[in-house]
């Protein structure tokens, strides 16, 4: 495995919590870190999980900010049919067996 890929994996293994932190710990440019993470994901060495954001499929009654009468607690007129804006992704190392 190439040095940037190994360095990025080592940074995550040592507890880096963001791509900027990986860049700081490894001394790699952020664009190199981004490319390494994409490659490591394709190789199965890193797992990316999209964290739930936006309106739940069960509507306002199943939302953490929903009111007891099943109305929106966030001020929205109704649940959104789509998500927009940034998406939070959690990167993790797959467990070794």
PDB file of N, CA and C in Angstrom:
ATOM      1  N   UNK A   1       0.861  -1.166   0.000  1.00  0.00           N
ATOM      2  CA  UNK A   1       0.000   0.000   0.000  1.00  0.00           C
ATOM      3  C   UNK A   1       0.906   1.228   0.000  1.00  0.00           C
ATOM      4  N   UNK A   2       0.505   2.261  -0.733  1.00  0.00           N
ATOM      5  CA  UNK A   2       1.346   3.451  -0.837  1.00  0.00           C
ATOM      6  C   UNK A   2       1.380   4.222   0.477  1.00  0.00           C
ATOM      7  N   UNK A   3       2.383   5.067   0.624  1.00  0.00           N
ATOM      8  CA  UNK A   3       2.571   5.817   1.867  1.00  0.00           C
ATOM      9  C   UNK A   3       1.372   6.708   2.227  1.00  0.00           C
ATOM     10  N   UNK A   4       0.787   7.462   1.264  1.00  0.00           N
ATOM     11  CA  UNK A   4      -0.375   8.272   1.659  1.00  0.00           C
ATOM     12  C   UNK A   4      -1.544   7.433   2.168  1.00  0.00           C
ATOM     13  N   UNK A   5      -1.796   6.294   1.526  1.00  0.00           N
ATOM     14  CA  UNK A   5      -2.912   5.443   1.960  1.00  0.00           C
ATOM     15  C   UNK A   5      -2.650   4.894   3.356  1.00  0.00           C
ATOM     16  N   UNK A   6      -1.456   4.428   3.589  1.00  0.00           N
ATOM     17  CA  UNK A   6      -1.093   3.911   4.916  1.00  0.00           C
ATOM     18  C   UNK A   6      -1.164   5.002   5.967  1.00  0.00           C
ATOM     19  N   UNK A   7      -0.708   6.196   5.618  1.00  0.00           N
ATOM     20  CA  UNK A   7      -0.734   7.323   6.560  1.00  0.00           C
ATOM     21  C   UNK A   7      -2.158   7.710   6.934  1.00  0.00           C
ATOM     22  N   UNK A   8      -3.047   7.730   5.947  1.00  0.00           N
ATOM     23  CA  UNK A   8      -4.447   8.081   6.212  1.00  0.00           C
ATOM     24  C   UNK A   8      -5.090   7.016   7.094  1.00  0.00           C
ATOM     25  N   UNK A   9      -4.857   5.741   6.785  1.00  0.00           N
ATOM     26  CA  UNK A   9      -5.404   4.665   7.625  1.00  0.00           C
ATOM     27  C   UNK A   9      -4.866   4.756   9.050  1.00  0.00           C
ATOM     28  N   UNK A  10      -3.576   5.033   9.180  1.00  0.00           N
ATOM     29  CA  UNK A  10      -2.973   5.136  10.505  1.00  0.00           C
ATOM     30  C   UNK A  10      -3.570   6.298  11.291  1.00  0.00           C
ATOM     31  N   UNK A  11      -3.831   7.404  10.626  1.00  0.00           N
ATOM     32  CA  UNK A  11      -4.417   8.567  11.303  1.00  0.00           C
ATOM     33  C   UNK A  11      -5.817   8.247  11.813  1.00  0.00           C
ATOM     34  N   UNK A  12      -6.628   7.574  10.998  1.00  0.00           N
ATOM     35  CA  UNK A  12      -7.959   7.171  11.464  1.00  0.00           C
ATOM     36  C   UNK A  12      -7.842   6.167  12.603  1.00  0.00           C
ATOM     37  N   UNK A  13      -6.917   5.224  12.473  1.00  0.00           N
ATOM     38  CA  UNK A  13      -6.711   4.227  13.526  1.00  0.00           C
ATOM     39  C   UNK A  13      -6.266   4.847  14.840  1.00  0.00           C
ATOM     40  N   UNK A  14      -5.574   6.004  14.754  1.00  0.00           N
ATOM     41  CA  UNK A  14      -5.101   6.698  15.950  1.00  0.00           C
ATOM     42  C   UNK A  14      -6.138   7.671  16.505  1.00  0.00           C
ATOM     43  N   UNK A  15      -7.316   7.714  15.862  1.00  0.00           N
ATOM     44  CA  UNK A  15      -8.398   8.515  16.421  1.00  0.00           C
ATOM     45  C   UNK A  15      -8.710   9.820  15.732  1.00  0.00           C
ATOM     46  N   UNK A  16      -8.150  10.085  14.557  1.00  0.00           N
ATOM     47  CA  UNK A  16      -8.502  11.313  13.829  1.00  0.00           C
ATOM     48  C   UNK A  16     -10.003  11.323  13.572  1.00  0.00           C
ATOM     49  N   UNK A  17     -10.629  12.485  13.770  1.00  0.00           N
ATOM     50  CA  UNK A  17     -12.083  12.572  13.680  1.00  0.00           C
ATOM     51  C   UNK A  17     -12.585  13.320  12.455  1.00  0.00           C
ATOM     52  N   UNK A  18     -11.692  13.925  11.690  1.00  0.00           N
ATOM     53  CA  UNK A  18     -12.116  14.664  10.497  1.00  0.00           C
ATOM     54  C   UNK A  18     -11.029  14.575   9.441  1.00  0.00           C
ATOM     55  N   UNK A  19     -11.392  14.897   8.213  1.00  0.00           N
ATOM     56  CA  UNK A  19     -10.412  14.874   7.138  1.00  0.00           C
ATOM     57  C   UNK A  19      -9.348  15.946   7.347  1.00  0.00           C
ATOM     58  N   UNK A  20      -9.745  17.092   7.901  1.00  0.00           N
ATOM     59  CA  UNK A  20      -8.760  18.130   8.212  1.00  0.00           C
ATOM     60  C   UNK A  20      -7.774  17.636   9.264  1.00  0.00           C
ATOM     61  N   UNK A  21      -8.263  16.903  10.253  1.00  0.00           N
ATOM     62  CA  UNK A  21      -7.385  16.361  11.281  1.00  0.00           C
ATOM     63  C   UNK A  21      -6.434  15.314  10.685  1.00  0.00           C
ATOM     64  N   UNK A  22      -6.922  14.516   9.747  1.00  0.00           N
ATOM     65  CA  UNK A  22      -6.049  13.550   9.066  1.00  0.00           C
ATOM     66  C   UNK A  22      -4.950  14.303   8.326  1.00  0.00           C
ATOM     67  N   UNK A  23      -5.313  15.373   7.625  1.00  0.00           N
ATOM     68  CA  UNK A  23      -4.315  16.164   6.895  1.00  0.00           C
ATOM     69  C   UNK A  23      -3.285  16.745   7.858  1.00  0.00           C
ATOM     70  N   UNK A  24      -3.741  17.267   8.989  1.00  0.00           N
ATOM     71  CA  UNK A  24      -2.808  17.836   9.985  1.00  0.00           C
ATOM     72  C   UNK A  24      -1.870  16.763  10.535  1.00  0.00           C
ATOM     73  N   UNK A  25      -2.424  15.605  10.884  1.00  0.00           N
ATOM     74  CA  UNK A  25      -1.608  14.540  11.495  1.00  0.00           C
ATOM     75  C   UNK A  25      -0.606  13.933  10.513  1.00  0.00           C
ATOM     76  N   UNK A  26      -0.992  13.862   9.243  1.00  0.00           N
ATOM     77  CA  UNK A  26      -0.135  13.201   8.262  1.00  0.00           C
ATOM     78  C   UNK A  26       0.784  14.154   7.512  1.00  0.00           C
ATOM     79  N   UNK A  27       0.435  15.443   7.521  1.00  0.00           N
ATOM     80  CA  UNK A  27       1.205  16.410   6.739  1.00  0.00           C
ATOM     81  C   UNK A  27       0.869  16.375   5.257  1.00  0.00           C
ATOM     82  N   UNK A  28      -0.179  15.636   4.896  1.00  0.00           N
ATOM     83  CA  UNK A  28      -0.601  15.548   3.500  1.00  0.00           C
ATOM     84  C   UNK A  28      -1.529  16.707   3.166  1.00  0.00           C
ATOM     85  N   UNK A  29      -1.517  17.140   1.890  1.00  0.00           N
ATOM     86  CA  UNK A  29      -2.470  18.150   1.444  1.00  0.00           C
ATOM     87  C   UNK A  29      -3.877  17.576   1.546  1.00  0.00           C
ATOM     88  N   UNK A  30      -4.848  18.432   1.781  1.00  0.00           N
ATOM     89  CA  UNK A  30      -6.231  17.982   1.947  1.00  0.00           C
ATOM     90  C   UNK A  30      -6.732  17.258   0.695  1.00  0.00           C
ATOM     91  N   UNK A  31      -6.334  17.717  -0.507  1.00  0.00           N
ATOM     92  CA  UNK A  31      -6.801  17.028  -1.714  1.00  0.00           C
ATOM     93  C   UNK A  31      -6.221  15.618  -1.821  1.00  0.00           C
ATOM     94  N   UNK A  32      -5.032  15.405  -1.293  1.00  0.00           N
ATOM     95  CA  UNK A  32      -4.436  14.061  -1.264  1.00  0.00           C
ATOM     96  C   UNK A  32      -5.198  13.186  -0.278  1.00  0.00           C
ATOM     97  N   UNK A  33      -5.573  13.758   0.875  1.00  0.00           N
ATOM     98  CA  UNK A  33      -6.362  13.020   1.873  1.00  0.00           C
ATOM     99  C   UNK A  33      -7.711  12.626   1.274  1.00  0.00           C
ATOM    100  N   UNK A  34      -8.376  13.572   0.599  1.00  0.00           N
ATOM    101  CA  UNK A  34      -9.672  13.270  -0.023  1.00  0.00           C
ATOM    102  C   UNK A  34      -9.548  12.128  -1.033  1.00  0.00           C
ATOM    103  N   UNK A  35      -8.512  12.184  -1.878  1.00  0.00           N
ATOM    104  CA  UNK A  35      -8.310  11.138  -2.883  1.00  0.00           C
ATOM    105  C   UNK A  35      -7.993   9.804  -2.208  1.00  0.00           C
ATOM    106  N   UNK A  36      -7.192   9.837  -1.150  1.00  0.00           N
ATOM    107  CA  UNK A  36      -6.847   8.604  -0.434  1.00  0.00           C
ATOM    108  C   UNK A  36      -8.088   7.986   0.199  1.00  0.00           C
ATOM    109  N   UNK A  37      -8.922   8.811   0.817  1.00  0.00           N
ATOM    110  CA  UNK A  37     -10.149   8.297   1.442  1.00  0.00           C
ATOM    111  C   UNK A  37     -11.062   7.679   0.386  1.00  0.00           C
ATOM    112  N   UNK A  38     -11.224   8.345  -0.755  1.00  0.00           N
ATOM    113  CA  UNK A  38     -12.046   7.771  -1.831  1.00  0.00           C
ATOM    114  C   UNK A  38     -11.504   6.419  -2.267  1.00  0.00           C
ATOM    115  N   UNK A  39     -10.193   6.335  -2.428  1.00  0.00           N
ATOM    116  CA  UNK A  39      -9.572   5.076  -2.862  1.00  0.00           C
ATOM    117  C   UNK A  39      -9.718   3.990  -1.786  1.00  0.00           C
ATOM    118  N   UNK A  40      -9.496   4.361  -0.533  1.00  0.00           N
ATOM    119  CA  UNK A  40      -9.628   3.394   0.563  1.00  0.00           C
ATOM    120  C   UNK A  40     -11.060   2.890   0.692  1.00  0.00           C
ATOM    121  N   UNK A  41     -12.027   3.752   0.421  1.00  0.00           N
ATOM    122  CA  UNK A  41     -13.433   3.311   0.426  1.00  0.00           C
ATOM    123  C   UNK A  41     -13.671   2.290  -0.675  1.00  0.00           C
ATOM    124  N   UNK A  42     -13.170   2.563  -1.869  1.00  0.00           N
ATOM    125  CA  UNK A  42     -13.353   1.622  -2.985  1.00  0.00           C
ATOM    126  C   UNK A  42     -12.672   0.282  -2.702  1.00  0.00           C
ATOM    127  N   UNK A  43     -11.557   0.312  -1.976  1.00  0.00           N
ATOM    128  CA  UNK A  43     -10.828  -0.909  -1.624  1.00  0.00           C
ATOM    129  C   UNK A  43     -11.479  -1.659  -0.468  1.00  0.00           C
ATOM    130  N   UNK A  44     -12.424  -1.024   0.217  1.00  0.00           N
ATOM    131  CA  UNK A  44     -13.063  -1.647   1.371  1.00  0.00           C
ATOM    132  C   UNK A  44     -12.274  -1.483   2.657  1.00  0.00           C
ATOM    133  N   UNK A  45     -11.257  -0.640   2.668  1.00  0.00           N
ATOM    134  CA  UNK A  45     -10.442  -0.434   3.863  1.00  0.00           C
ATOM    135  C   UNK A  45     -11.037   0.625   4.779  1.00  0.00           C
ATOM    136  N   UNK A  46     -11.898   1.490   4.241  1.00  0.00           N
ATOM    137  CA  UNK A  46     -12.669   2.448   5.031  1.00  0.00           C
ATOM    138  C   UNK A  46     -14.131   2.266   4.654  1.00  0.00           C
ATOM    139  N   UNK A  47     -14.991   2.444   5.623  1.00  0.00           N
ATOM    140  CA  UNK A  47     -16.431   2.344   5.387  1.00  0.00           C
ATOM    141  C   UNK A  47     -17.030   3.728   5.607  1.00  0.00           C
ATOM    142  N   UNK A  48     -17.860   4.170   4.678  1.00  0.00           N
ATOM    143  CA  UNK A  48     -18.547   5.459   4.798  1.00  0.00           C
ATOM    144  C   UNK A  48     -20.020   5.196   5.041  1.00  0.00           C
ATOM    145  N   UNK A  49     -20.547   5.777   6.102  1.00  0.00           N
ATOM    146  CA  UNK A  49     -21.949   5.612   6.451  1.00  0.00           C
ATOM    147  C   UNK A  49     -22.589   6.988   6.513  1.00  0.00           C
ATOM    148  N   UNK A  50     -23.628   7.200   5.710  1.00  0.00           N
ATOM    149  CA  UNK A  50     -24.336   8.468   5.742  1.00  0.00           C
ATOM    150  C   UNK A  50     -25.162   8.503   7.017  1.00  0.00           C
ATOM    151  N   UNK A  51     -24.994   9.563   7.784  1.00  0.00           N
ATOM    152  CA  UNK A  51     -25.750   9.704   9.016  1.00  0.00           C
ATOM    153  C   UNK A  51     -27.076  10.377   8.701  1.00  0.00           C
ATOM    154  N   UNK A  52     -28.128   9.903   9.309  1.00  0.00           N
ATOM    155  CA  UNK A  52     -29.466  10.393   9.024  1.00  0.00           C
ATOM    156  C   UNK A  52     -29.598  11.871   9.355  1.00  0.00           C
ATOM    157  N   UNK A  53     -30.039  12.613   8.377  1.00  0.00           N
ATOM    158  CA  UNK A  53     -30.364  14.026   8.553  1.00  0.00           C
ATOM    159  C   UNK A  53     -31.650  14.289   7.794  1.00  0.00           C
ATOM    160  N   UNK A  54     -32.290  15.353   8.098  1.00  0.00           N
ATOM    161  CA  UNK A  54     -33.528  15.664   7.415  1.00  0.00           C
ATOM    162  C   UNK A  54     -34.711  15.020   8.098  1.00  0.00           C
ATOM    163  N   UNK A  55     -35.810  15.040   7.421  1.00  0.00           N
ATOM    164  CA  UNK A  55     -37.058  14.540   7.996  1.00  0.00           C
ATOM    165  C   UNK A  55     -37.099  13.009   7.975  1.00  0.00           C
ATOM    166  N   UNK A  56     -37.562  12.393   9.061  1.00  0.00           N
ATOM    167  CA  UNK A  56     -37.690  10.936   9.078  1.00  0.00           C
ATOM    168  C   UNK A  56     -38.850  10.486   8.203  1.00  0.00           C
ATOM    169  N   UNK A  57     -38.774   9.272   7.701  1.00  0.00           N
ATOM    170  CA  UNK A  57     -39.832   8.760   6.825  1.00  0.00           C
ATOM    171  C   UNK A  57     -41.167   8.630   7.550  1.00  0.00           C
ATOM    172  N   UNK A  58     -41.144   8.528   8.886  1.00  0.00           N
ATOM    173  CA  UNK A  58     -42.376   8.411   9.658  1.00  0.00           C
ATOM    174  C   UNK A  58     -43.080   9.744   9.900  1.00  0.00           C
ATOM    175  N   UNK A  59     -42.534  10.819   9.349  1.00  0.00           N
ATOM    176  CA  UNK A  59     -43.148  12.134   9.513  1.00  0.00           C
ATOM    177  C   UNK A  59     -42.797  12.771  10.847  1.00  0.00           C
ATOM    178  N   UNK A  60     -43.448  13.891  11.135  1.00  0.00           N
ATOM    179  CA  UNK A  60     -43.132  14.690  12.318  1.00  0.00           C
ATOM    180  C   UNK A  60     -43.343  13.937  13.625  1.00  0.00           C
ATOM    181  N   UNK A  61     -44.278  12.993  13.655  1.00  0.00           N
ATOM    182  CA  UNK A  61     -44.546  12.252  14.880  1.00  0.00           C
ATOM    183  C   UNK A  61     -43.389  11.366  15.300  1.00  0.00           C
ATOM    184  N   UNK A  62     -42.525  10.980  14.349  1.00  0.00           N
ATOM    185  CA  UNK A  62     -41.386  10.133  14.681  1.00  0.00           C
ATOM    186  C   UNK A  62     -40.079  10.926  14.761  1.00  0.00           C
ATOM    187  N   UNK A  63     -40.172  12.238  14.640  1.00  0.00           N
ATOM    188  CA  UNK A  63     -38.983  13.093  14.663  1.00  0.00           C
ATOM    189  C   UNK A  63     -38.632  13.473  16.101  1.00  0.00           C
ATOM    190  N   UNK A  64     -37.339  13.549  16.381  1.00  0.00           N
ATOM    191  CA  UNK A  64     -36.896  13.923  17.722  1.00  0.00           C
ATOM    192  C   UNK A  64     -37.337  15.329  18.104  1.00  0.00           C
ATOM    193  N   UNK A  65     -37.527  16.203  17.113  1.00  0.00           N
ATOM    194  CA  UNK A  65     -37.971  17.559  17.434  1.00  0.00           C
ATOM    195  C   UNK A  65     -39.482  17.715  17.289  1.00  0.00           C
ATOM    196  N   UNK A  66     -40.196  16.626  16.958  1.00  0.00           N
ATOM    197  CA  UNK A  66     -41.652  16.695  16.795  1.00  0.00           C
ATOM    198  C   UNK A  66     -42.362  16.958  18.114  1.00  0.00           C
ATOM    199  N   UNK A  67     -43.508  17.567  18.006  1.00  0.00           N
ATOM    200  CA  UNK A  67     -44.331  17.862  19.184  1.00  0.00           C
ATOM    201  C   UNK A  67     -45.252  16.682  19.479  1.00  0.00           C
ATOM    202  N   UNK A  68     -45.781  16.609  20.710  1.00  0.00           N
ATOM    203  CA  UNK A  68     -46.664  15.486  21.077  1.00  0.00           C
ATOM    204  C   UNK A  68     -47.859  15.320  20.145  1.00  0.00           C
ATOM    205  N   UNK A  69     -48.333  16.401  19.560  1.00  0.00           N
ATOM    206  CA  UNK A  69     -49.489  16.302  18.657  1.00  0.00           C
ATOM    207  C   UNK A  69     -49.063  15.956  17.227  1.00  0.00           C
ATOM    208  N   UNK A  70     -47.814  15.487  17.056  1.00  0.00           N
ATOM    209  CA  UNK A  70     -47.255  15.048  15.768  1.00  0.00           C
ATOM    210  C   UNK A  70     -47.107  16.177  14.766  1.00  0.00           C
ATOM    211  N   UNK A  71     -46.875  17.390  15.252  1.00  0.00           N
ATOM    212  CA  UNK A  71     -46.578  18.501  14.360  1.00  0.00           C
ATOM    213  C   UNK A  71     -45.086  18.797  14.431  1.00  0.00           C
ATOM    214  N   UNK A  72     -44.618  19.537  13.455  1.00  0.00           N
ATOM    215  CA  UNK A  72     -43.186  19.833  13.366  1.00  0.00           C
ATOM    216  C   UNK A  72     -42.733  20.741  14.499  1.00  0.00           C
ATOM    217  N   UNK A  73     -41.681  20.348  15.189  1.00  0.00           N
ATOM    218  CA  UNK A  73     -41.101  21.183  16.226  1.00  0.00           C
ATOM    219  C   UNK A  73     -40.022  22.098  15.674  1.00  0.00           C
ATOM    220  N   UNK A  74     -39.671  21.899  14.409  1.00  0.00           N
ATOM    221  CA  UNK A  74     -38.604  22.685  13.792  1.00  0.00           C
ATOM    222  C   UNK A  74     -39.123  23.924  13.091  1.00  0.00           C
ATOM    223  N   UNK A  75     -40.421  24.070  13.015  1.00  0.00           N
ATOM    224  CA  UNK A  75     -40.992  25.237  12.354  1.00  0.00           C
ATOM    225  C   UNK A  75     -41.388  24.983  10.912  1.00  0.00           C
ATOM    226  N   UNK A  76     -41.112  23.792  10.385  1.00  0.00           N
ATOM    227  CA  UNK A  76     -41.492  23.490   9.006  1.00  0.00           C
ATOM    228  C   UNK A  76     -42.999  23.291   8.917  1.00  0.00           C
ATOM    229  N   UNK A  77     -43.552  23.614   7.767  1.00  0.00           N
ATOM    230  CA  UNK A  77     -44.988  23.443   7.562  1.00  0.00           C
ATOM    231  C   UNK A  77     -45.360  21.961   7.470  1.00  0.00           C
ATOM    232  N   UNK A  78     -44.440  21.148   6.989  1.00  0.00           N
ATOM    233  CA  UNK A  78     -44.673  19.714   6.816  1.00  0.00           C
ATOM    234  C   UNK A  78     -43.320  19.031   6.625  1.00  0.00           C
ATOM    235  N   UNK A  79     -43.279  17.714   6.737  1.00  0.00           N
ATOM    236  CA  UNK A  79     -42.010  17.023   6.486  1.00  0.00           C
ATOM    237  C   UNK A  79     -41.517  17.271   5.060  1.00  0.00           C
ATOM    238  N   UNK A  80     -40.234  17.380   4.907  1.00  0.00           N
ATOM    239  CA  UNK A  80     -39.633  17.574   3.594  1.00  0.00           C
ATOM    240  C   UNK A  80     -39.594  16.248   2.850  1.00  0.00           C
ATOM    241  N   UNK A  81     -39.875  16.292   1.557  1.00  0.00           N
ATOM    242  CA  UNK A  81     -39.837  15.089   0.736  1.00  0.00           C
ATOM    243  C   UNK A  81     -38.418  14.760   0.284  1.00  0.00           C
ATOM    244  N   UNK A  82     -37.509  15.709   0.454  1.00  0.00           N
ATOM    245  CA  UNK A  82     -36.125  15.470   0.043  1.00  0.00           C
ATOM    246  C   UNK A  82     -35.169  16.165   0.994  1.00  0.00           C
ATOM    247  N   UNK A  83     -33.931  15.740   0.928  1.00  0.00           N
ATOM    248  CA  UNK A  83     -32.898  16.372   1.729  1.00  0.00           C
ATOM    249  C   UNK A  83     -32.160  17.372   0.853  1.00  0.00           C
ATOM    250  N   UNK A  84     -31.647  18.384   1.480  1.00  0.00           N
ATOM    251  CA  UNK A  84     -30.821  19.331   0.742  1.00  0.00           C
ATOM    252  C   UNK A  84     -29.695  19.781   1.644  1.00  0.00           C
ATOM    253  N   UNK A  85     -28.685  20.356   1.048  1.00  0.00           N
ATOM    254  CA  UNK A  85     -27.561  20.847   1.819  1.00  0.00           C
ATOM    255  C   UNK A  85     -26.530  19.778   2.067  1.00  0.00           C
ATOM    256  N   UNK A  86     -25.586  20.045   2.961  1.00  0.00           N
ATOM    257  CA  UNK A  86     -24.506  19.095   3.214  1.00  0.00           C
ATOM    258  C   UNK A  86     -25.007  17.798   3.839  1.00  0.00           C
ATOM    259  N   UNK A  87     -24.266  16.741   3.601  1.00  0.00           N
ATOM    260  CA  UNK A  87     -24.584  15.431   4.156  1.00  0.00           C
ATOM    261  C   UNK A  87     -23.438  15.032   5.087  1.00  0.00           C
ATOM    262  N   UNK A  88     -23.768  14.620   6.282  1.00  0.00           N
ATOM    263  CA  UNK A  88     -22.773  14.178   7.240  1.00  0.00           C
ATOM    264  C   UNK A  88     -22.481  12.705   7.000  1.00  0.00           C
ATOM    265  N   UNK A  89     -21.199  12.386   6.816  1.00  0.00           N
ATOM    266  CA  UNK A  89     -20.783  11.012   6.553  1.00  0.00           C
ATOM    267  C   UNK A  89     -19.798  10.601   7.626  1.00  0.00           C
ATOM    268  N   UNK A  90     -20.003   9.438   8.199  1.00  0.00           N
ATOM    269  CA  UNK A  90     -19.082   8.890   9.185  1.00  0.00           C
ATOM    270  C   UNK A  90     -18.173   7.896   8.489  1.00  0.00           C
ATOM    271  N   UNK A  91     -16.870   8.081   8.636  1.00  0.00           N
ATOM    272  CA  UNK A  91     -15.888   7.142   8.100  1.00  0.00           C
ATOM    273  C   UNK A  91     -15.396   6.266   9.242  1.00  0.00           C
ATOM    274  N   UNK A  92     -15.298   4.984   9.004  1.00  0.00           N
ATOM    275  CA  UNK A  92     -14.814   4.074  10.044  1.00  0.00           C
ATOM    276  C   UNK A  92     -13.998   2.960   9.417  1.00  0.00           C
ATOM    277  N   UNK A  93     -13.127   2.403  10.236  1.00  0.00           N
ATOM    278  CA  UNK A  93     -12.335   1.263   9.798  1.00  0.00           C
ATOM    279  C   UNK A  93     -13.166   0.014   9.992  1.00  0.00           C
ATOM    280  N   UNK A  94     -13.259  -0.852   8.964  1.00  0.00           N
ATOM    281  CA  UNK A  94     -13.998  -2.102   9.144  1.00  0.00           C
ATOM    282  C   UNK A  94     -13.326  -2.962  10.215  1.00  0.00           C
ATOM    283  N   UNK A  95     -14.110  -3.681  10.967  1.00  0.00           N
ATOM    284  CA  UNK A  95     -13.553  -4.572  11.989  1.00  0.00           C
ATOM    285  C   UNK A  95     -12.851  -5.742  11.326  1.00  0.00           C
ATOM    286  N   UNK A  96     -11.723  -6.067  11.875  1.00  0.00           N
ATOM    287  CA  UNK A  96     -10.986  -7.240  11.370  1.00  0.00           C
ATOM    288  C   UNK A  96     -11.481  -8.474  12.093  1.00  0.00           C
ATOM    289  N   UNK A  97     -11.600  -9.553  11.400  1.00  0.00           N
ATOM    290  CA  UNK A  97     -12.090 -10.791  11.998  1.00  0.00           C
ATOM    291  C   UNK A  97     -10.975 -11.726  12.278  1.00  0.00           C
TER     292      UNK A  97
END
